[in-house]
Each structure stands twice: as structure tokens, then as C-alpha cells.
């Protein structure tokens, strides 16, 4: 009997050891599985990575678009500043030169007088360019009038240059735009001194935003052409 009890105790002990062993193995397997699952789910799937890249792409496009708008606004303001400087200096110089000598007010003379900003002048060719690299033809003077011609290529520049002309409506004789292949032109927009006369149909000071859009609408449609705006003013400052 004692033998049987000892044997039974031994068997129970072996079963307990086996049970403990199986429990330990099972727990270890579960821990390893959890660890593998953590590694798997802590990473990023291809779909998630593509989503992140798409978001970055959208943000980049928005940033580039915003930067382009800011740069365009800066350049348009800079163009206004440059052309205003030349117009003011031409008005000043032509007003103090006798009518019979106005034809001597050439581009080279204006450059020597400092009427043209140095950073607008190509030193090799003595050609004048604005911030958009548009060519500026200046001046063309006779005994009565002087003109400044600016080449441009986009509707935004077109509207900017006409708006600038409005600021000089009290000094300009007229402003006119045409394409350099003569396929497009608008009627002259006259300054204040002639505005209201029977033969004048369009006045600079009365130009509205819809008018500007209409005048400049064909520029982008014919981007293979270059256009010019011509500012013509009296040789003497108007009272």
C-alpha cells in the first residue's frame, strides 16, 4: 500500500511538472505572438505611406502656389515703381528743356542724367528692362510730346500698366496699347486735359476694372505675341 501511495504521488508530481511546462511554453508563445504583432502594427503600411506622401504633395503645391502669387504681386509692384520713376524723371527733364531741344532728350542722355535706375540698364547693350525683363523703349520726343513705350506679355502686366497710367491721367496726353504684330489695338485712353472734349471717347480717369479686363483680355489668348503700352505726355507739365 505504501508503494502504491508513493507511486501515485510520483505520478501527480510528474503531471504537475508537465502542466507547468506546458503553461510556461504557452505563455512564452503568447508573449512572442504579442511581440510580433506589436512589431507588425507599430510600423506603417504602404497605403499609409502613400497617404502621407499625398498630403505632403498637396501641401507642397499649396505652398508653391502661394509663393508664386506673392512673387507676382511683388513684381507687379516693382514694375509700377520702376516705370513711375522713369516717367517722373522724363516729365521733370522734358519740362526744363526748351521745346526746340526736346529731341535731344535721348535714352543715353537720360541714363547719364540718372533718370533711369542703374539696375534696369544692361551695361553691354545699354538696353533698359523692367523686373519682368520686358524691354523699355525711351524716349521719343518732339517739340510737343514725349513718349515712353513698355513691352509686356501677360494680361496681369497689361492691367498693371494701365492702372499706372490712371495715376498719371493729369499729366498724360494719352495711353495706347497694341500688339507688336499689329493684330490687336485699343482706342487711345486720353488724359484729363482732353477728357470731355467731343472727339474723345475714352478717358483714363474713367477706366473701370471691367474695362481693364476687356482691354487686356486678348493678351493671354495670343501669348505668342508681345504687346506694348505707350505713355505719351506733353513736353511741358500740365497746369
Protein backbone atom coordinates (compact mmCIF):
# COMPACT_ATOMS: atom_id res chain seq x y z
CA UNK A 1 0.00 0.00 0.00
CA UNK A 2 2.81 2.31 0.85
CA UNK A 3 4.26 1.53 -2.55
CA UNK A 4 1.06 2.49 -4.30
CA UNK A 5 0.84 5.81 -2.48
CA UNK A 6 4.43 6.66 -3.39
CA UNK A 7 3.77 5.79 -6.99
CA UNK A 8 0.62 7.90 -7.03
CA UNK A 9 2.48 10.83 -5.50
CA UNK A 10 5.21 10.47 -8.12
CA UNK A 11 2.69 10.44 -10.95
CA UNK A 12 0.96 13.54 -9.56
CA UNK A 13 4.29 15.28 -9.33
CA UNK A 14 5.16 14.40 -12.93
CA UNK A 15 1.77 15.63 -14.11
CA UNK A 16 2.30 18.92 -12.25
CA UNK A 17 5.73 19.34 -13.82
CA UNK A 18 4.26 18.61 -17.23
CA UNK A 19 1.41 21.05 -16.61
CA UNK A 20 3.85 23.77 -15.51
CA UNK A 21 5.98 23.11 -18.55
CA UNK A 22 3.01 23.41 -20.92
CA UNK A 23 1.83 26.57 -19.16
CA UNK A 24 5.26 28.13 -19.47
CA UNK A 25 5.50 27.26 -23.16
CA UNK A 26 2.03 28.58 -23.81
CA UNK A 27 2.75 31.90 -22.06
CA UNK A 28 6.03 32.26 -23.94
CA UNK A 29 4.26 31.63 -27.26
CA UNK A 30 1.62 34.22 -26.39
CA UNK A 31 4.29 36.78 -25.48
CA UNK A 32 6.18 36.13 -28.71
CA UNK A 33 2.98 36.45 -30.71
CA UNK A 34 2.16 39.74 -28.99
CA UNK A 35 5.69 40.96 -29.64
CA UNK A 36 5.42 40.10 -33.33
CA UNK A 37 2.03 41.75 -33.53
CA UNK A 38 3.45 44.89 -31.92
CA UNK A 39 6.28 44.98 -34.42
CA UNK A 40 3.81 44.49 -37.25
CA UNK A 41 1.34 47.13 -36.13
CA UNK A 42 3.90 49.66 -34.91
CA UNK A 43 5.19 50.11 -38.49
CA UNK A 44 3.46 51.82 -41.46
CA UNK A 45 1.73 50.07 -44.28
CA UNK A 46 2.23 51.05 -47.93
CA UNK A 47 -1.24 52.61 -48.03
CA UNK A 48 -0.44 54.76 -45.01
CA UNK A 49 2.85 55.88 -46.54
CA UNK A 50 1.13 56.78 -49.81
CA UNK A 51 -1.44 58.78 -47.85
CA UNK A 52 1.30 60.70 -46.06
CA UNK A 53 3.07 61.40 -49.36
CA UNK A 54 -0.21 62.59 -50.90
CA UNK A 55 -0.77 65.01 -48.02
CA UNK A 56 2.79 66.32 -48.33
CA UNK A 57 2.26 66.76 -52.08
CA UNK A 58 -0.94 68.75 -51.59
CA UNK A 59 0.72 70.98 -49.00
CA UNK A 60 3.73 71.50 -51.29
CA UNK A 61 1.52 72.51 -54.22
CA UNK A 62 -0.34 74.97 -52.00
CA UNK A 63 2.92 76.44 -50.73
CA UNK A 64 4.33 76.81 -54.25
CA UNK A 65 1.09 78.38 -55.46
CA UNK A 66 1.10 80.83 -52.55
CA UNK A 67 4.74 81.69 -53.19
CA UNK A 68 4.02 82.29 -56.88
CA UNK A 69 1.18 84.68 -56.04
CA UNK A 70 3.36 86.59 -53.59
CA UNK A 71 6.19 86.84 -56.12
CA UNK A 72 3.81 88.02 -58.84
CA UNK A 73 2.43 90.72 -56.57
CA UNK A 74 5.95 91.79 -55.66
CA UNK A 75 6.99 92.00 -59.32
CA UNK A 76 3.89 93.98 -60.32
CA UNK A 77 4.55 96.46 -57.51
CA UNK A 78 8.21 96.64 -58.54
CA UNK A 79 7.22 97.25 -62.17
CA UNK A 80 4.95 100.11 -61.08
CA UNK A 81 7.81 101.60 -59.07
CA UNK A 82 10.28 101.32 -61.96
CA UNK A 83 8.02 102.82 -64.64
CA UNK A 84 6.88 105.57 -62.26
CA UNK A 85 10.50 106.54 -61.63
CA UNK A 86 11.22 106.81 -65.35
CA UNK A 87 8.01 108.75 -66.09
CA UNK A 88 8.65 111.19 -63.25
CA UNK A 89 12.22 111.81 -64.37
CA UNK A 90 11.21 112.20 -68.02
CA UNK A 91 8.49 114.68 -67.04
CA UNK A 92 10.97 116.62 -64.98
CA UNK A 93 13.71 116.70 -67.63
CA UNK A 94 11.37 117.49 -70.55
CA UNK A 95 9.73 120.33 -68.62
CA UNK A 96 13.02 122.15 -68.17
CA UNK A 97 14.29 121.74 -71.75
CA UNK A 98 13.22 124.25 -74.46
CA UNK A 99 10.80 122.82 -76.99
CA UNK A 100 13.30 123.15 -79.83
CA UNK A 101 15.79 120.95 -77.93
CA UNK A 102 13.50 118.20 -76.69
CA UNK A 103 14.55 115.80 -79.44
CA UNK A 104 17.98 115.74 -77.76
CA UNK A 105 16.43 114.05 -74.73
CA UNK A 106 17.56 110.59 -75.82
CA UNK A 107 17.83 107.35 -73.92
CA UNK A 108 21.59 107.75 -73.50
CA UNK A 109 21.17 111.27 -72.12
CA UNK A 110 18.53 110.10 -69.66
CA UNK A 111 20.82 107.31 -68.48
CA UNK A 112 23.68 109.78 -68.00
CA UNK A 113 21.35 112.12 -66.11
CA UNK A 114 20.42 109.27 -63.77
CA UNK A 115 16.79 109.37 -64.88
CA UNK A 116 16.88 105.59 -65.46
CA UNK A 117 17.70 103.39 -62.43
CA UNK A 118 21.05 101.70 -62.97
CA UNK A 119 19.73 98.23 -62.14
CA UNK A 120 17.37 98.48 -65.12
CA UNK A 121 20.13 99.09 -67.66
CA UNK A 122 22.02 96.29 -69.42
CA UNK A 123 25.56 97.65 -69.42
CA UNK A 124 26.60 95.69 -72.51
CA UNK A 125 23.76 96.77 -74.81
CA UNK A 126 22.58 99.90 -72.98
CA UNK A 127 19.06 98.44 -73.21
CA UNK A 128 16.50 99.10 -70.47
CA UNK A 129 14.49 96.24 -68.90
CA UNK A 130 11.92 96.12 -66.13
CA UNK A 131 11.60 93.50 -63.38
CA UNK A 132 9.81 91.11 -65.81
CA UNK A 133 12.69 91.51 -68.27
CA UNK A 134 10.39 93.49 -70.56
CA UNK A 135 12.14 95.89 -72.88
CA UNK A 136 11.51 99.61 -72.31
CA UNK A 137 11.86 101.98 -75.25
CA UNK A 138 12.53 105.54 -74.12
CA UNK A 139 12.20 108.29 -75.04
CA UNK A 140 10.63 109.57 -78.22
CA UNK A 141 10.36 113.34 -78.03
CA UNK A 142 9.42 116.11 -80.42
CA UNK A 143 8.62 119.77 -79.87
CA UNK A 144 5.29 118.96 -78.20
CA UNK A 145 5.23 115.41 -76.84
CA UNK A 146 7.41 112.74 -75.27
CA UNK A 147 6.59 109.03 -75.18
CA UNK A 148 7.62 106.01 -73.14
CA UNK A 149 6.96 102.54 -74.56
CA UNK A 150 6.92 99.38 -72.42
CA UNK A 151 6.71 95.87 -73.90
CA UNK A 152 4.69 93.29 -71.93
CA UNK A 153 3.42 89.74 -72.41
CA UNK A 154 0.61 88.96 -69.92
CA UNK A 155 -2.81 90.34 -69.05
CA UNK A 156 -1.69 90.94 -65.45
CA UNK A 157 1.09 93.20 -66.66
CA UNK A 158 -1.33 94.86 -69.08
CA UNK A 159 -3.78 95.75 -66.28
CA UNK A 160 -0.94 96.90 -64.05
CA UNK A 161 0.43 99.28 -66.69
CA UNK A 162 -2.99 100.78 -67.46
CA UNK A 163 -3.63 101.28 -63.74
CA UNK A 164 -0.31 103.10 -63.59
CA UNK A 165 -1.45 105.31 -66.48
CA UNK A 166 -4.56 106.23 -64.48
CA UNK A 167 -2.31 107.63 -61.75
CA UNK A 168 -0.76 109.94 -64.37
CA UNK A 169 -4.03 110.92 -66.05
CA UNK A 170 -3.47 114.57 -65.09
CA UNK A 171 -0.13 114.60 -66.95
CA UNK A 172 -0.60 112.21 -69.89
CA UNK A 173 -1.88 113.21 -73.31
CA UNK A 174 -2.95 109.62 -73.97
CA UNK A 175 -2.14 105.96 -73.34
CA UNK A 176 -2.44 103.31 -76.01
CA UNK A 177 -1.89 99.53 -76.20
CA UNK A 178 -1.21 97.48 -79.31
CA UNK A 179 0.29 94.13 -80.24
CA UNK A 180 3.68 94.31 -81.88
CA UNK A 181 2.39 92.38 -84.88
CA UNK A 182 -0.41 94.98 -85.29
CA UNK A 183 -3.15 92.35 -84.84
CA UNK A 184 -4.66 94.00 -81.79
CA UNK A 185 -5.05 97.54 -80.52
CA UNK A 186 -7.33 99.55 -78.27
CA UNK A 187 -8.50 103.10 -78.71
CA UNK A 188 -6.47 105.77 -77.03
CA UNK A 189 -7.24 106.47 -73.41
CA UNK A 190 -6.88 110.23 -73.01
CA UNK A 191 -5.62 112.21 -70.05
CA UNK A 192 -7.55 114.79 -68.06
CA UNK A 193 -6.64 117.78 -70.22
CA UNK A 194 -8.56 116.42 -73.24
CA UNK A 195 -11.14 114.32 -71.41
CA UNK A 196 -14.64 115.66 -72.07
CA UNK A 197 -13.87 117.06 -75.50
CA UNK A 198 -16.26 115.96 -78.22
CA UNK A 199 -13.73 113.91 -80.14
CA UNK A 200 -12.56 111.99 -77.05
CA UNK A 201 -14.39 108.71 -76.41
CA UNK A 202 -12.27 107.16 -73.65
CA UNK A 203 -10.70 108.83 -70.62
CA UNK A 204 -8.04 107.33 -68.39
CA UNK A 205 -9.62 108.55 -65.18
CA UNK A 206 -12.90 106.81 -66.05
CA UNK A 207 -11.42 103.39 -66.78
CA UNK A 208 -13.10 100.73 -64.58
CA UNK A 209 -11.99 97.24 -63.60
CA UNK A 210 -14.31 95.61 -66.21
CA UNK A 211 -12.79 97.98 -68.80
CA UNK A 212 -9.30 96.84 -67.81
CA UNK A 213 -10.31 93.19 -68.17
CA UNK A 214 -11.79 93.92 -71.59
CA UNK A 215 -8.75 95.83 -72.83
CA UNK A 216 -6.33 93.14 -71.66
CA UNK A 217 -8.44 90.01 -72.28
CA UNK A 218 -6.83 89.02 -75.56
CA UNK A 219 -3.26 89.19 -74.29
CA UNK A 220 -3.19 85.69 -72.75
CA UNK A 221 -5.10 84.28 -75.73
CA UNK A 222 -2.27 85.31 -78.05
CA UNK A 223 0.74 84.64 -75.86
CA UNK A 224 2.96 84.15 -78.89
CA UNK A 225 2.80 87.92 -79.45
CA UNK A 226 4.34 90.70 -77.41
CA UNK A 227 2.44 93.88 -76.67
CA UNK A 228 3.36 97.46 -75.95
CA UNK A 229 1.84 100.23 -73.87
CA UNK A 230 2.71 103.74 -74.93
CA UNK A 231 2.62 106.63 -72.47
CA UNK A 232 2.57 109.94 -74.35
CA UNK A 233 2.66 113.18 -72.42
CA UNK A 234 3.06 116.85 -73.17
CA UNK A 235 6.57 118.17 -73.18
CA UNK A 236 5.63 120.72 -70.54
CA UNK A 237 3.95 119.84 -67.29
CA UNK A 238 0.23 120.49 -67.45
CA UNK A 239 -1.09 123.13 -65.00
